[in-house]
N, C-alpha and C. Protein backbone atom coordinates (compact mmCIF):
# COMPACT_ATOMS: atom_id res chain seq x y z
N MET A 1 157.22 63.70 61.98
CA MET A 1 156.52 63.58 60.72
C MET A 1 155.02 63.40 60.92
N SER A 2 154.61 62.92 62.07
CA SER A 2 153.18 62.69 62.29
C SER A 2 152.40 64.00 62.39
N TYR A 3 153.08 65.10 62.73
CA TYR A 3 152.39 66.40 62.78
C TYR A 3 151.88 66.78 61.40
N PHE A 4 152.70 66.56 60.38
CA PHE A 4 152.28 66.89 59.02
C PHE A 4 151.22 65.91 58.53
N ASP A 5 151.27 64.68 58.99
CA ASP A 5 150.23 63.72 58.64
C ASP A 5 148.88 64.19 59.18
N ALA A 6 148.87 64.70 60.39
CA ALA A 6 147.63 65.19 60.99
C ALA A 6 147.09 66.39 60.21
N GLU A 7 147.98 67.26 59.76
CA GLU A 7 147.55 68.42 58.97
C GLU A 7 146.93 67.98 57.65
N LEU A 8 147.54 67.02 56.99
CA LEU A 8 147.01 66.54 55.72
C LEU A 8 145.68 65.81 55.90
N LYS A 9 145.54 65.09 57.00
CA LYS A 9 144.29 64.39 57.28
C LYS A 9 143.14 65.37 57.47
N THR A 10 143.42 66.58 57.90
CA THR A 10 142.36 67.56 58.09
C THR A 10 142.22 68.50 56.89
N LEU A 11 143.32 68.81 56.24
CA LEU A 11 143.30 69.77 55.14
C LEU A 11 142.52 69.26 53.93
N LEU A 12 142.83 68.06 53.49
CA LEU A 12 142.21 67.54 52.27
C LEU A 12 140.69 67.38 52.38
N PRO A 13 140.16 66.83 53.46
CA PRO A 13 138.69 66.77 53.56
C PRO A 13 138.04 68.15 53.60
N PHE A 14 138.69 69.13 54.23
CA PHE A 14 138.12 70.47 54.26
C PHE A 14 138.14 71.13 52.88
N VAL A 15 139.15 70.83 52.07
CA VAL A 15 139.19 71.35 50.71
C VAL A 15 138.03 70.78 49.90
N VAL A 16 137.82 69.48 50.00
CA VAL A 16 136.72 68.84 49.28
C VAL A 16 135.37 69.37 49.77
N LEU A 17 135.22 69.51 51.08
CA LEU A 17 133.99 70.08 51.63
C LEU A 17 133.75 71.50 51.15
N GLY A 18 134.80 72.29 51.07
CA GLY A 18 134.67 73.66 50.60
C GLY A 18 134.17 73.73 49.17
N ILE A 19 134.68 72.84 48.32
CA ILE A 19 134.24 72.81 46.93
C ILE A 19 132.78 72.38 46.84
N ILE A 20 132.42 71.35 47.57
CA ILE A 20 131.03 70.85 47.53
C ILE A 20 130.05 71.90 48.06
N ILE A 21 130.37 72.52 49.18
CA ILE A 21 129.47 73.51 49.75
C ILE A 21 129.43 74.77 48.89
N GLY A 22 130.51 75.10 48.20
CA GLY A 22 130.50 76.22 47.26
C GLY A 22 129.53 75.98 46.12
N ILE A 23 129.50 74.76 45.60
CA ILE A 23 128.56 74.42 44.53
C ILE A 23 127.13 74.44 45.04
N ILE A 24 126.91 73.88 46.22
CA ILE A 24 125.56 73.88 46.80
C ILE A 24 125.11 75.31 47.07
N SER A 25 126.00 76.16 47.55
CA SER A 25 125.66 77.56 47.81
C SER A 25 125.23 78.27 46.54
N PHE A 26 125.88 77.96 45.44
CA PHE A 26 125.49 78.57 44.16
C PHE A 26 124.06 78.21 43.80
N PHE A 27 123.68 76.95 43.98
CA PHE A 27 122.34 76.53 43.63
C PHE A 27 121.29 77.00 44.63
N LEU A 28 121.69 77.28 45.87
CA LEU A 28 120.74 77.83 46.85
C LEU A 28 120.29 79.23 46.46
N ASN A 29 121.20 80.00 45.88
CA ASN A 29 120.90 81.35 45.38
C ASN A 29 120.38 82.28 46.48
N ASN A 30 120.90 82.12 47.69
CA ASN A 30 120.54 82.97 48.82
C ASN A 30 121.79 83.16 49.68
N THR A 31 122.24 84.40 49.79
CA THR A 31 123.51 84.67 50.46
C THR A 31 123.49 84.27 51.93
N LEU A 32 122.47 84.66 52.65
CA LEU A 32 122.41 84.36 54.09
C LEU A 32 122.34 82.85 54.35
N THR A 33 121.50 82.16 53.60
CA THR A 33 121.38 80.71 53.75
C THR A 33 122.69 80.02 53.42
N SER A 34 123.37 80.48 52.38
CA SER A 34 124.64 79.89 51.98
C SER A 34 125.70 80.09 53.06
N PHE A 35 125.74 81.28 53.65
CA PHE A 35 126.72 81.55 54.70
C PHE A 35 126.44 80.70 55.94
N ILE A 36 125.17 80.59 56.32
CA ILE A 36 124.82 79.77 57.48
C ILE A 36 125.15 78.30 57.22
N LEU A 37 124.85 77.82 56.01
CA LEU A 37 125.20 76.44 55.65
C LEU A 37 126.70 76.22 55.74
N MET A 38 127.49 77.18 55.25
CA MET A 38 128.95 77.07 55.30
C MET A 38 129.43 76.96 56.75
N LEU A 39 128.87 77.77 57.65
CA LEU A 39 129.28 77.71 59.05
C LEU A 39 128.89 76.39 59.71
N ILE A 40 127.68 75.92 59.44
CA ILE A 40 127.21 74.66 60.04
C ILE A 40 128.07 73.50 59.58
N VAL A 41 128.38 73.45 58.28
CA VAL A 41 129.20 72.36 57.76
C VAL A 41 130.63 72.44 58.31
N ALA A 42 131.14 73.64 58.53
CA ALA A 42 132.48 73.78 59.10
C ALA A 42 132.53 73.19 60.51
N VAL A 43 131.53 73.49 61.31
CA VAL A 43 131.50 72.97 62.69
C VAL A 43 131.29 71.46 62.69
N LEU A 44 130.35 70.98 61.88
CA LEU A 44 130.10 69.54 61.81
C LEU A 44 131.30 68.80 61.22
N GLY A 45 131.97 69.41 60.25
CA GLY A 45 133.16 68.80 59.68
C GLY A 45 134.28 68.68 60.69
N LYS A 46 134.45 69.70 61.51
CA LYS A 46 135.48 69.65 62.56
C LYS A 46 135.18 68.54 63.56
N ILE A 47 133.92 68.46 63.97
CA ILE A 47 133.54 67.43 64.95
C ILE A 47 133.72 66.04 64.37
N ALA A 48 133.27 65.84 63.12
CA ALA A 48 133.38 64.52 62.48
C ALA A 48 134.84 64.13 62.27
N LEU A 49 135.64 65.05 61.76
CA LEU A 49 137.05 64.73 61.52
C LEU A 49 137.82 64.50 62.82
N ALA A 50 137.45 65.20 63.87
CA ALA A 50 138.11 64.98 65.16
C ALA A 50 137.84 63.56 65.66
N LYS A 51 136.61 63.08 65.46
CA LYS A 51 136.29 61.71 65.90
C LYS A 51 136.90 60.66 64.98
N ILE A 52 136.89 60.92 63.67
CA ILE A 52 137.42 59.94 62.72
C ILE A 52 138.94 59.83 62.84
N THR A 53 139.62 60.96 62.88
CA THR A 53 141.09 60.94 62.91
C THR A 53 141.66 60.86 64.31
N LYS A 54 140.83 61.03 65.31
CA LYS A 54 141.25 60.98 66.73
C LYS A 54 142.33 62.02 67.04
N ILE A 55 142.18 63.20 66.44
CA ILE A 55 143.09 64.31 66.70
C ILE A 55 142.50 65.14 67.83
N ALA A 56 143.21 65.21 68.94
CA ALA A 56 142.72 65.91 70.12
C ALA A 56 143.37 67.28 70.23
N GLU A 57 143.03 68.15 69.32
CA GLU A 57 143.54 69.51 69.33
C GLU A 57 142.39 70.48 69.57
N GLY A 58 142.72 71.70 69.96
CA GLY A 58 141.70 72.70 70.22
C GLY A 58 141.21 73.36 68.95
N TRP A 59 140.23 74.24 69.14
CA TRP A 59 139.64 74.94 67.99
C TRP A 59 140.67 75.76 67.24
N LYS A 60 141.62 76.36 67.92
CA LYS A 60 142.63 77.19 67.25
C LYS A 60 143.42 76.36 66.23
N TRP A 61 143.78 75.15 66.58
CA TRP A 61 144.50 74.28 65.67
C TRP A 61 143.63 73.91 64.47
N TRP A 62 142.37 73.60 64.71
CA TRP A 62 141.45 73.22 63.63
C TRP A 62 141.20 74.40 62.69
N ILE A 63 141.08 75.58 63.24
CA ILE A 63 140.87 76.76 62.39
C ILE A 63 142.08 76.98 61.49
N GLY A 64 143.26 76.87 62.04
CA GLY A 64 144.47 77.10 61.27
C GLY A 64 144.80 76.00 60.28
N ASN A 65 144.37 74.78 60.56
CA ASN A 65 144.74 73.65 59.72
C ASN A 65 143.61 73.08 58.88
N GLY A 66 142.56 73.81 58.70
CA GLY A 66 141.50 73.27 57.84
C GLY A 66 140.35 74.23 57.59
N ILE A 67 139.87 74.87 58.62
CA ILE A 67 138.67 75.68 58.47
C ILE A 67 138.94 76.93 57.65
N VAL A 68 140.11 77.53 57.77
CA VAL A 68 140.44 78.72 56.96
C VAL A 68 140.50 78.33 55.48
N VAL A 69 141.13 77.21 55.19
CA VAL A 69 141.20 76.75 53.80
C VAL A 69 139.80 76.40 53.30
N TYR A 70 139.01 75.76 54.14
CA TYR A 70 137.62 75.44 53.79
C TYR A 70 136.85 76.70 53.44
N PHE A 71 136.97 77.75 54.25
CA PHE A 71 136.27 79.01 54.00
C PHE A 71 136.67 79.61 52.65
N PHE A 72 137.98 79.66 52.39
CA PHE A 72 138.43 80.26 51.14
C PHE A 72 138.06 79.41 49.92
N MET A 73 138.08 78.09 50.05
CA MET A 73 137.65 77.24 48.94
C MET A 73 136.18 77.46 48.65
N TRP A 74 135.37 77.53 49.69
CA TRP A 74 133.94 77.80 49.54
C TRP A 74 133.74 79.14 48.85
N LEU A 75 134.43 80.16 49.31
CA LEU A 75 134.27 81.50 48.76
C LEU A 75 134.71 81.58 47.30
N VAL A 76 135.84 80.96 46.98
CA VAL A 76 136.35 81.01 45.60
C VAL A 76 135.41 80.27 44.65
N VAL A 77 134.98 79.06 45.02
CA VAL A 77 134.10 78.29 44.14
C VAL A 77 132.78 79.00 43.96
N TRP A 78 132.21 79.49 45.03
CA TRP A 78 130.92 80.18 44.97
C TRP A 78 131.02 81.45 44.12
N THR A 79 132.08 82.22 44.30
CA THR A 79 132.27 83.46 43.55
C THR A 79 132.48 83.18 42.07
N ILE A 80 133.26 82.18 41.74
CA ILE A 80 133.48 81.84 40.33
C ILE A 80 132.17 81.40 39.68
N LEU A 81 131.39 80.59 40.37
CA LEU A 81 130.13 80.14 39.79
C LEU A 81 129.13 81.28 39.63
N ILE A 82 129.07 82.17 40.60
CA ILE A 82 128.13 83.30 40.51
C ILE A 82 128.50 84.21 39.36
N ASN A 83 129.78 84.44 39.13
CA ASN A 83 130.23 85.38 38.11
C ASN A 83 130.47 84.75 36.74
N SER A 84 130.24 83.47 36.62
CA SER A 84 130.47 82.80 35.36
C SER A 84 129.31 83.05 34.39
N PRO A 85 129.59 83.65 33.24
CA PRO A 85 128.51 83.92 32.28
C PRO A 85 128.04 82.64 31.57
N VAL A 86 128.84 81.60 31.57
CA VAL A 86 128.48 80.35 30.88
C VAL A 86 127.36 79.64 31.62
N ILE A 87 127.42 79.65 32.94
CA ILE A 87 126.44 78.92 33.75
C ILE A 87 125.10 79.63 33.78
N ARG A 88 125.10 80.92 33.82
CA ARG A 88 123.84 81.66 33.90
C ARG A 88 123.27 81.84 32.59
């Protein structure tokens, strides 16, 4: 059962980070800067969560259990905000 606990400990913070960075990317209004910010936060988030949760897994595990979800959350939030006629 601890395997699923480790997945949840990494998944939920990456979901929240994806939403926050998606909103920040919308306000940056620059595609390249937003993409670079997303990558930097993904790497820093992995490093911080690895130290906080003491999960000693490789990059492949982190990509599969958090970074992919983080990327898609960032992309969905950013795309919805860019295409929303109410906000613009």
